[in-house]
Amino acid sequence: MIDPEYLPPAWTKEARCAEVDTEMFFPDKGDITSATSARKICNGCEVKQQCLEYALDNREIYGIWGGTNERDRRPMLKARGIAC
């Protein structure tokens, strides 16, 4: 039996990123092209907010989540009282 704790959140089934190569959402440092392409996909995604909340709740430090990168999420975490 699969442990439900290890299943992806239900909203991921509707995520636009599931339709493309996920590597673009984890660009190498300085890879502006991949990061920009990933953000464009996020901007048209119906579950963008759920994705961002997931990243904040799980303190994701790598990748583009909900159209944001780690630098974008840092002040959001601080606003929640979470040290970065």
PDB file of N, CA and C in Angstrom:
ATOM      1  N   MET A   1       0.841  -1.188   0.000  1.00  0.00           N
ATOM      2  CA  MET A   1       0.000   0.000   0.000  1.00  0.00           C
ATOM      3  C   MET A   1       0.889   1.256   0.000  1.00  0.00           C
ATOM      4  N   ILE A   2       0.500   2.246  -0.756  1.00  0.00           N
ATOM      5  CA  ILE A   2       1.246   3.497  -0.858  1.00  0.00           C
ATOM      6  C   ILE A   2       0.869   4.410   0.301  1.00  0.00           C
ATOM      7  N   ASP A   3       1.881   4.944   0.942  1.00  0.00           N
ATOM      8  CA  ASP A   3       1.671   5.877   2.038  1.00  0.00           C
ATOM      9  C   ASP A   3       1.198   7.205   1.456  1.00  0.00           C
ATOM     10  N   PRO A   4       0.000   7.681   1.835  1.00  0.00           N
ATOM     11  CA  PRO A   4      -0.528   8.942   1.280  1.00  0.00           C
ATOM     12  C   PRO A   4       0.377  10.143   1.524  1.00  0.00           C
ATOM     13  N   GLU A   5       1.236  10.067   2.522  1.00  0.00           N
ATOM     14  CA  GLU A   5       2.149  11.166   2.811  1.00  0.00           C
ATOM     15  C   GLU A   5       3.136  11.384   1.658  1.00  0.00           C
ATOM     16  N   TYR A   6       3.385  10.341   0.874  1.00  0.00           N
ATOM     17  CA  TYR A   6       4.343  10.435  -0.218  1.00  0.00           C
ATOM     18  C   TYR A   6       3.694  10.670  -1.575  1.00  0.00           C
ATOM     19  N   LEU A   7       2.403  10.828  -1.593  1.00  0.00           N
ATOM     20  CA  LEU A   7       1.699  11.126  -2.839  1.00  0.00           C
ATOM     21  C   LEU A   7       1.786  12.626  -3.116  1.00  0.00           C
ATOM     22  N   PRO A   8       1.887  13.004  -4.382  1.00  0.00           N
ATOM     23  CA  PRO A   8       1.893  14.445  -4.680  1.00  0.00           C
ATOM     24  C   PRO A   8       0.530  15.051  -4.345  1.00  0.00           C
ATOM     25  N   PRO A   9       0.513  16.337  -4.016  1.00  0.00           N
ATOM     26  CA  PRO A   9      -0.771  16.993  -3.728  1.00  0.00           C
ATOM     27  C   PRO A   9      -1.714  16.886  -4.938  1.00  0.00           C
ATOM     28  N   ALA A  10      -2.995  16.827  -4.673  1.00  0.00           N
ATOM     29  CA  ALA A  10      -4.002  16.665  -5.736  1.00  0.00           C
ATOM     30  C   ALA A  10      -3.927  17.763  -6.787  1.00  0.00           C
ATOM     31  N   TRP A  11      -3.589  18.980  -6.387  1.00  0.00           N
ATOM     32  CA  TRP A  11      -3.559  20.099  -7.335  1.00  0.00           C
ATOM     33  C   TRP A  11      -2.518  19.904  -8.430  1.00  0.00           C
ATOM     34  N   THR A  12      -1.519  19.057  -8.212  1.00  0.00           N
ATOM     35  CA  THR A  12      -0.465  18.880  -9.212  1.00  0.00           C
ATOM     36  C   THR A  12      -0.981  18.263 -10.506  1.00  0.00           C
ATOM     37  N   LYS A  13      -2.116  17.595 -10.431  1.00  0.00           N
ATOM     38  CA  LYS A  13      -2.702  17.011 -11.648  1.00  0.00           C
ATOM     39  C   LYS A  13      -3.139  18.095 -12.629  1.00  0.00           C
ATOM     40  N   GLU A  14      -3.391  19.292 -12.116  1.00  0.00           N
ATOM     41  CA  GLU A  14      -3.851  20.401 -12.954  1.00  0.00           C
ATOM     42  C   GLU A  14      -2.737  21.387 -13.307  1.00  0.00           C
ATOM     43  N   ALA A  15      -1.537  21.119 -12.817  1.00  0.00           N
ATOM     44  CA  ALA A  15      -0.424  22.046 -13.018  1.00  0.00           C
ATOM     45  C   ALA A  15       0.077  22.000 -14.457  1.00  0.00           C
ATOM     46  N   ARG A  16       0.300  23.173 -15.018  1.00  0.00           N
ATOM     47  CA  ARG A  16       0.809  23.269 -16.396  1.00  0.00           C
ATOM     48  C   ARG A  16       2.223  22.731 -16.520  1.00  0.00           C
ATOM     49  N   CYS A  17       2.997  22.783 -15.453  1.00  0.00           N
ATOM     50  CA  CYS A  17       4.372  22.295 -15.512  1.00  0.00           C
ATOM     51  C   CYS A  17       4.436  20.791 -15.756  1.00  0.00           C
ATOM     52  N   ALA A  18       3.357  20.088 -15.458  1.00  0.00           N
ATOM     53  CA  ALA A  18       3.325  18.639 -15.684  1.00  0.00           C
ATOM     54  C   ALA A  18       3.335  18.309 -17.175  1.00  0.00           C
ATOM     55  N   GLU A  19       3.083  19.309 -18.012  1.00  0.00           N
ATOM     56  CA  GLU A  19       3.018  19.115 -19.461  1.00  0.00           C
ATOM     57  C   GLU A  19       4.361  19.329 -20.149  1.00  0.00           C
ATOM     58  N   VAL A  20       5.368  19.788 -19.407  1.00  0.00           N
ATOM     59  CA  VAL A  20       6.669  20.108 -20.003  1.00  0.00           C
ATOM     60  C   VAL A  20       7.797  19.461 -19.195  1.00  0.00           C
ATOM     61  N   ASP A  21       9.005  19.578 -19.719  1.00  0.00           N
ATOM     62  CA  ASP A  21      10.182  19.057 -19.036  1.00  0.00           C
ATOM     63  C   ASP A  21      10.401  19.835 -17.739  1.00  0.00           C
ATOM     64  N   THR A  22      10.380  19.144 -16.624  1.00  0.00           N
ATOM     65  CA  THR A  22      10.473  19.816 -15.329  1.00  0.00           C
ATOM     66  C   THR A  22      11.849  20.421 -15.060  1.00  0.00           C
ATOM     67  N   GLU A  23      12.848  20.063 -15.849  1.00  0.00           N
ATOM     68  CA  GLU A  23      14.183  20.628 -15.634  1.00  0.00           C
ATOM     69  C   GLU A  23      14.201  22.143 -15.774  1.00  0.00           C
ATOM     70  N   MET A  24      13.314  22.685 -16.604  1.00  0.00           N
ATOM     71  CA  MET A  24      13.312  24.138 -16.774  1.00  0.00           C
ATOM     72  C   MET A  24      12.894  24.850 -15.497  1.00  0.00           C
ATOM     73  N   PHE A  25      12.240  24.152 -14.585  1.00  0.00           N
ATOM     74  CA  PHE A  25      11.807  24.747 -13.327  1.00  0.00           C
ATOM     75  C   PHE A  25      12.901  24.700 -12.261  1.00  0.00           C
ATOM     76  N   PHE A  26      14.017  24.075 -12.607  1.00  0.00           N
ATOM     77  CA  PHE A  26      15.178  24.015 -11.726  1.00  0.00           C
ATOM     78  C   PHE A  26      16.419  24.427 -12.509  1.00  0.00           C
ATOM     79  N   PRO A  27      16.418  25.685 -12.973  1.00  0.00           N
ATOM     80  CA  PRO A  27      17.518  26.152 -13.830  1.00  0.00           C
ATOM     81  C   PRO A  27      18.822  26.279 -13.054  1.00  0.00           C
ATOM     82  N   ASP A  28      19.919  26.142 -13.793  1.00  0.00           N
ATOM     83  CA  ASP A  28      21.234  26.388 -13.205  1.00  0.00           C
ATOM     84  C   ASP A  28      21.335  27.867 -12.856  1.00  0.00           C
ATOM     85  N   LYS A  29      22.152  28.161 -11.886  1.00  0.00           N
ATOM     86  CA  LYS A  29      22.346  29.553 -11.478  1.00  0.00           C
ATOM     87  C   LYS A  29      22.749  30.382 -12.694  1.00  0.00           C
ATOM     88  N   GLY A  30      22.046  31.482 -12.913  1.00  0.00           N
ATOM     89  CA  GLY A  30      22.338  32.367 -14.028  1.00  0.00           C
ATOM     90  C   GLY A  30      21.639  32.010 -15.331  1.00  0.00           C
ATOM     91  N   ASP A  31      20.891  30.893 -15.346  1.00  0.00           N
ATOM     92  CA  ASP A  31      20.181  30.481 -16.564  1.00  0.00           C
ATOM     93  C   ASP A  31      18.861  31.253 -16.648  1.00  0.00           C
ATOM     94  N   ILE A  32      18.939  32.452 -17.151  1.00  0.00           N
ATOM     95  CA  ILE A  32      17.784  33.345 -17.247  1.00  0.00           C
ATOM     96  C   ILE A  32      16.738  32.799 -18.218  1.00  0.00           C
ATOM     97  N   THR A  33      17.177  32.166 -19.299  1.00  0.00           N
ATOM     98  CA  THR A  33      16.258  31.673 -20.327  1.00  0.00           C
ATOM     99  C   THR A  33      15.293  30.645 -19.757  1.00  0.00           C
ATOM    100  N   SER A  34      15.810  29.643 -19.061  1.00  0.00           N
ATOM    101  CA  SER A  34      14.946  28.610 -18.483  1.00  0.00           C
ATOM    102  C   SER A  34      14.035  29.193 -17.414  1.00  0.00           C
ATOM    103  N   ALA A  35      14.586  30.055 -16.575  1.00  0.00           N
ATOM    104  CA  ALA A  35      13.782  30.661 -15.510  1.00  0.00           C
ATOM    105  C   ALA A  35      12.643  31.492 -16.094  1.00  0.00           C
ATOM    106  N   THR A  36      12.924  32.252 -17.134  1.00  0.00           N
ATOM    107  CA  THR A  36      11.893  33.076 -17.772  1.00  0.00           C
ATOM    108  C   THR A  36      10.827  32.194 -18.412  1.00  0.00           C
ATOM    109  N   SER A  37      11.238  31.141 -19.082  1.00  0.00           N
ATOM    110  CA  SER A  37      10.286  30.214 -19.702  1.00  0.00           C
ATOM    111  C   SER A  37       9.412  29.552 -18.645  1.00  0.00           C
ATOM    112  N   ALA A  38      10.009  29.160 -17.541  1.00  0.00           N
ATOM    113  CA  ALA A  38       9.251  28.525 -16.460  1.00  0.00           C
ATOM    114  C   ALA A  38       8.223  29.490 -15.882  1.00  0.00           C
ATOM    115  N   ARG A  39       8.629  30.727 -15.662  1.00  0.00           N
ATOM    116  CA  ARG A  39       7.702  31.724 -15.105  1.00  0.00           C
ATOM    117  C   ARG A  39       6.526  31.988 -16.051  1.00  0.00           C
ATOM    118  N   LYS A  40       6.784  31.973 -17.349  1.00  0.00           N
ATOM    119  CA  LYS A  40       5.701  32.177 -18.315  1.00  0.00           C
ATOM    120  C   LYS A  40       4.685  31.046 -18.223  1.00  0.00           C
ATOM    121  N   ILE A  41       5.170  29.843 -18.040  1.00  0.00           N
ATOM    122  CA  ILE A  41       4.254  28.702 -17.886  1.00  0.00           C
ATOM    123  C   ILE A  41       3.451  28.864 -16.603  1.00  0.00           C
ATOM    124  N   CYS A  42       4.105  29.248 -15.529  1.00  0.00           N
ATOM    125  CA  CYS A  42       3.417  29.456 -14.250  1.00  0.00           C
ATOM    126  C   CYS A  42       2.333  30.534 -14.360  1.00  0.00           C
ATOM    127  N   ASN A  43       2.629  31.605 -15.089  1.00  0.00           N
ATOM    128  CA  ASN A  43       1.680  32.710 -15.176  1.00  0.00           C
ATOM    129  C   ASN A  43       0.341  32.287 -15.760  1.00  0.00           C
ATOM    130  N   GLY A  44       0.320  31.252 -16.598  1.00  0.00           N
ATOM    131  CA  GLY A  44      -0.927  30.783 -17.176  1.00  0.00           C
ATOM    132  C   GLY A  44      -1.513  29.573 -16.470  1.00  0.00           C
ATOM    133  N   CYS A  45      -0.989  29.250 -15.299  1.00  0.00           N
ATOM    134  CA  CYS A  45      -1.398  28.030 -14.592  1.00  0.00           C
ATOM    135  C   CYS A  45      -2.537  28.315 -13.608  1.00  0.00           C
ATOM    136  N   GLU A  46      -3.517  27.434 -13.620  1.00  0.00           N
ATOM    137  CA  GLU A  46      -4.674  27.592 -12.736  1.00  0.00           C
ATOM    138  C   GLU A  46      -4.355  27.297 -11.273  1.00  0.00           C
ATOM    139  N   VAL A  47      -3.279  26.564 -11.006  1.00  0.00           N
ATOM    140  CA  VAL A  47      -2.945  26.196  -9.630  1.00  0.00           C
ATOM    141  C   VAL A  47      -1.669  26.909  -9.148  1.00  0.00           C
ATOM    142  N   LYS A  48      -1.392  28.037  -9.738  1.00  0.00           N
ATOM    143  CA  LYS A  48      -0.194  28.812  -9.401  1.00  0.00           C
ATOM    144  C   LYS A  48      -0.145  29.134  -7.906  1.00  0.00           C
ATOM    145  N   GLN A  49      -1.246  29.560  -7.328  1.00  0.00           N
ATOM    146  CA  GLN A  49      -1.266  29.937  -5.909  1.00  0.00           C
ATOM    147  C   GLN A  49      -1.052  28.726  -5.010  1.00  0.00           C
ATOM    148  N   GLN A  50      -1.661  27.583  -5.353  1.00  0.00           N
ATOM    149  CA  GLN A  50      -1.462  26.372  -4.561  1.00  0.00           C
ATOM    150  C   GLN A  50       0.004  25.942  -4.605  1.00  0.00           C
ATOM    151  N   CYS A  51       0.616  26.086  -5.770  1.00  0.00           N
ATOM    152  CA  CYS A  51       2.021  25.745  -5.956  1.00  0.00           C
ATOM    153  C   CYS A  51       2.903  26.637  -5.079  1.00  0.00           C
ATOM    154  N   LEU A  52       2.641  27.918  -5.097  1.00  0.00           N
ATOM    155  CA  LEU A  52       3.406  28.852  -4.281  1.00  0.00           C
ATOM    156  C   LEU A  52       3.231  28.527  -2.795  1.00  0.00           C
ATOM    157  N   GLU A  53       1.999  28.274  -2.378  1.00  0.00           N
ATOM    158  CA  GLU A  53       1.744  27.928  -0.975  1.00  0.00           C
ATOM    159  C   GLU A  53       2.492  26.661  -0.578  1.00  0.00           C
ATOM    160  N   TYR A  54       2.523  25.691  -1.479  1.00  0.00           N
ATOM    161  CA  TYR A  54       3.250  24.452  -1.224  1.00  0.00           C
ATOM    162  C   TYR A  54       4.734  24.757  -1.007  1.00  0.00           C
ATOM    163  N   ALA A  55       5.297  25.581  -1.871  1.00  0.00           N
ATOM    164  CA  ALA A  55       6.715  25.937  -1.758  1.00  0.00           C
ATOM    165  C   ALA A  55       6.999  26.656  -0.443  1.00  0.00           C
ATOM    166  N   LEU A  56       6.127  27.557  -0.057  1.00  0.00           N
ATOM    167  CA  LEU A  56       6.314  28.281   1.190  1.00  0.00           C
ATOM    168  C   LEU A  56       6.149  27.357   2.395  1.00  0.00           C
ATOM    169  N   ASP A  57       5.112  26.531   2.375  1.00  0.00           N
ATOM    170  CA  ASP A  57       4.861  25.599   3.483  1.00  0.00           C
ATOM    171  C   ASP A  57       5.999  24.608   3.667  1.00  0.00           C
ATOM    172  N   ASN A  58       6.635  24.228   2.564  1.00  0.00           N
ATOM    173  CA  ASN A  58       7.697  23.223   2.600  1.00  0.00           C
ATOM    174  C   ASN A  58       9.099  23.822   2.500  1.00  0.00           C
ATOM    175  N   ARG A  59       9.159  25.159   2.543  1.00  0.00           N
ATOM    176  CA  ARG A  59      10.431  25.882   2.499  1.00  0.00           C
ATOM    177  C   ARG A  59      11.318  25.409   1.346  1.00  0.00           C
ATOM    178  N   GLU A  60      10.707  25.340   0.165  1.00  0.00           N
ATOM    179  CA  GLU A  60      11.463  24.937  -1.031  1.00  0.00           C
ATOM    180  C   GLU A  60      12.509  26.000  -1.325  1.00  0.00           C
ATOM    181  N   ILE A  61      13.756  25.579  -1.384  1.00  0.00           N
ATOM    182  CA  ILE A  61      14.820  26.549  -1.613  1.00  0.00           C
ATOM    183  C   ILE A  61      15.357  26.513  -3.038  1.00  0.00           C
ATOM    184  N   TYR A  62      14.927  25.557  -3.824  1.00  0.00           N
ATOM    185  CA  TYR A  62      15.371  25.464  -5.213  1.00  0.00           C
ATOM    186  C   TYR A  62      14.174  25.502  -6.145  1.00  0.00           C
ATOM    187  N   GLY A  63      14.385  26.075  -7.293  1.00  0.00           N
ATOM    188  CA  GLY A  63      13.399  25.990  -8.355  1.00  0.00           C
ATOM    189  C   GLY A  63      12.380  27.109  -8.394  1.00  0.00           C
ATOM    190  N   ILE A  64      11.620  27.057  -9.477  1.00  0.00           N
ATOM    191  CA  ILE A  64      10.521  27.994  -9.706  1.00  0.00           C
ATOM    192  C   ILE A  64       9.249  27.310  -9.214  1.00  0.00           C
ATOM    193  N   TRP A  65       8.574  27.940  -8.298  1.00  0.00           N
ATOM    194  CA  TRP A  65       7.326  27.430  -7.720  1.00  0.00           C
ATOM    195  C   TRP A  65       6.317  28.566  -7.730  1.00  0.00           C
ATOM    196  N   GLY A  66       5.174  28.350  -8.319  1.00  0.00           N
ATOM    197  CA  GLY A  66       4.151  29.387  -8.345  1.00  0.00           C
ATOM    198  C   GLY A  66       4.647  30.676  -8.977  1.00  0.00           C
ATOM    199  N   GLY A  67       5.549  30.548  -9.930  1.00  0.00           N
ATOM    200  CA  GLY A  67       6.075  31.714 -10.632  1.00  0.00           C
ATOM    201  C   GLY A  67       7.140  32.486  -9.868  1.00  0.00           C
ATOM    202  N   THR A  68       7.629  31.924  -8.764  1.00  0.00           N
ATOM    203  CA  THR A  68       8.634  32.604  -7.956  1.00  0.00           C
ATOM    204  C   THR A  68       9.898  31.748  -7.835  1.00  0.00           C
ATOM    205  N   ASN A  69      11.014  32.421  -7.585  1.00  0.00           N
ATOM    206  CA  ASN A  69      12.238  31.689  -7.283  1.00  0.00           C
ATOM    207  C   ASN A  69      12.530  31.840  -5.794  1.00  0.00           C
ATOM    208  N   GLU A  70      13.619  31.262  -5.359  1.00  0.00           N
ATOM    209  CA  GLU A  70      13.945  31.281  -3.936  1.00  0.00           C
ATOM    210  C   GLU A  70      14.108  32.710  -3.412  1.00  0.00           C
ATOM    211  N   ARG A  71      14.703  33.565  -4.215  1.00  0.00           N
ATOM    212  CA  ARG A  71      14.898  34.965  -3.796  1.00  0.00           C
ATOM    213  C   ARG A  71      13.548  35.667  -3.619  1.00  0.00           C
ATOM    214  N   ASP A  72      12.592  35.361  -4.502  1.00  0.00           N
ATOM    215  CA  ASP A  72      11.258  35.961  -4.399  1.00  0.00           C
ATOM    216  C   ASP A  72      10.522  35.475  -3.149  1.00  0.00           C
ATOM    217  N   ARG A  73      10.747  34.209  -2.809  1.00  0.00           N
ATOM    218  CA  ARG A  73      10.014  33.609  -1.685  1.00  0.00           C
ATOM    219  C   ARG A  73      10.571  34.008  -0.325  1.00  0.00           C
ATOM    220  N   ARG A  74      11.830  34.407  -0.280  1.00  0.00           N
ATOM    221  CA  ARG A  74      12.471  34.745   0.999  1.00  0.00           C
ATOM    222  C   ARG A  74      11.679  35.784   1.800  1.00  0.00           C
ATOM    223  N   PRO A  75      11.286  36.932   1.205  1.00  0.00           N
ATOM    224  CA  PRO A  75      10.511  37.903   1.998  1.00  0.00           C
ATOM    225  C   PRO A  75       9.115  37.386   2.385  1.00  0.00           C
ATOM    226  N   MET A  76       8.564  36.509   1.564  1.00  0.00           N
ATOM    227  CA  MET A  76       7.261  35.926   1.895  1.00  0.00           C
ATOM    228  C   MET A  76       7.372  35.054   3.141  1.00  0.00           C
ATOM    229  N   LEU A  77       8.466  34.292   3.224  1.00  0.00           N
ATOM    230  CA  LEU A  77       8.690  33.459   4.406  1.00  0.00           C
ATOM    231  C   LEU A  77       8.930  34.324   5.635  1.00  0.00           C
ATOM    232  N   LYS A  78       9.702  35.396   5.472  1.00  0.00           N
ATOM    233  CA  LYS A  78       9.959  36.291   6.602  1.00  0.00           C
ATOM    234  C   LYS A  78       8.665  36.912   7.096  1.00  0.00           C
ATOM    235  N   ALA A  79       7.756  37.255   6.177  1.00  0.00           N
ATOM    236  CA  ALA A  79       6.468  37.827   6.551  1.00  0.00           C
ATOM    237  C   ALA A  79       5.629  36.834   7.357  1.00  0.00           C
ATOM    238  N   ARG A  80       5.881  35.560   7.148  1.00  0.00           N
ATOM    239  CA  ARG A  80       5.190  34.514   7.910  1.00  0.00           C
ATOM    240  C   ARG A  80       5.900  34.198   9.223  1.00  0.00           C
ATOM    241  N   GLY A  81       7.012  34.871   9.447  1.00  0.00           N
ATOM    242  CA  GLY A  81       7.773  34.638  10.665  1.00  0.00           C
ATOM    243  C   GLY A  81       8.668  33.419  10.607  1.00  0.00           C
ATOM    244  N   ILE A  82       9.007  33.011   9.381  1.00  0.00           N
ATOM    245  CA  ILE A  82       9.864  31.848   9.181  1.00  0.00           C
ATOM    246  C   ILE A  82      11.243  32.328   8.766  1.00  0.00           C
ATOM    247  N   ALA A  83      12.245  31.903   9.528  1.00  0.00           N
ATOM    248  CA  ALA A  83      13.617  32.278   9.214  1.00  0.00           C
ATOM    249  C   ALA A  83      14.085  31.567   7.963  1.00  0.00           C
ATOM    250  N   CYS A  84      14.852  32.260   7.153  1.00  0.00           N
ATOM    251  CA  CYS A  84      15.363  31.690   5.898  1.00  0.00           C
ATOM    252  C   CYS A  84      16.803  31.280   6.035  1.00  0.00           C
TER     253      CYS A  84
END
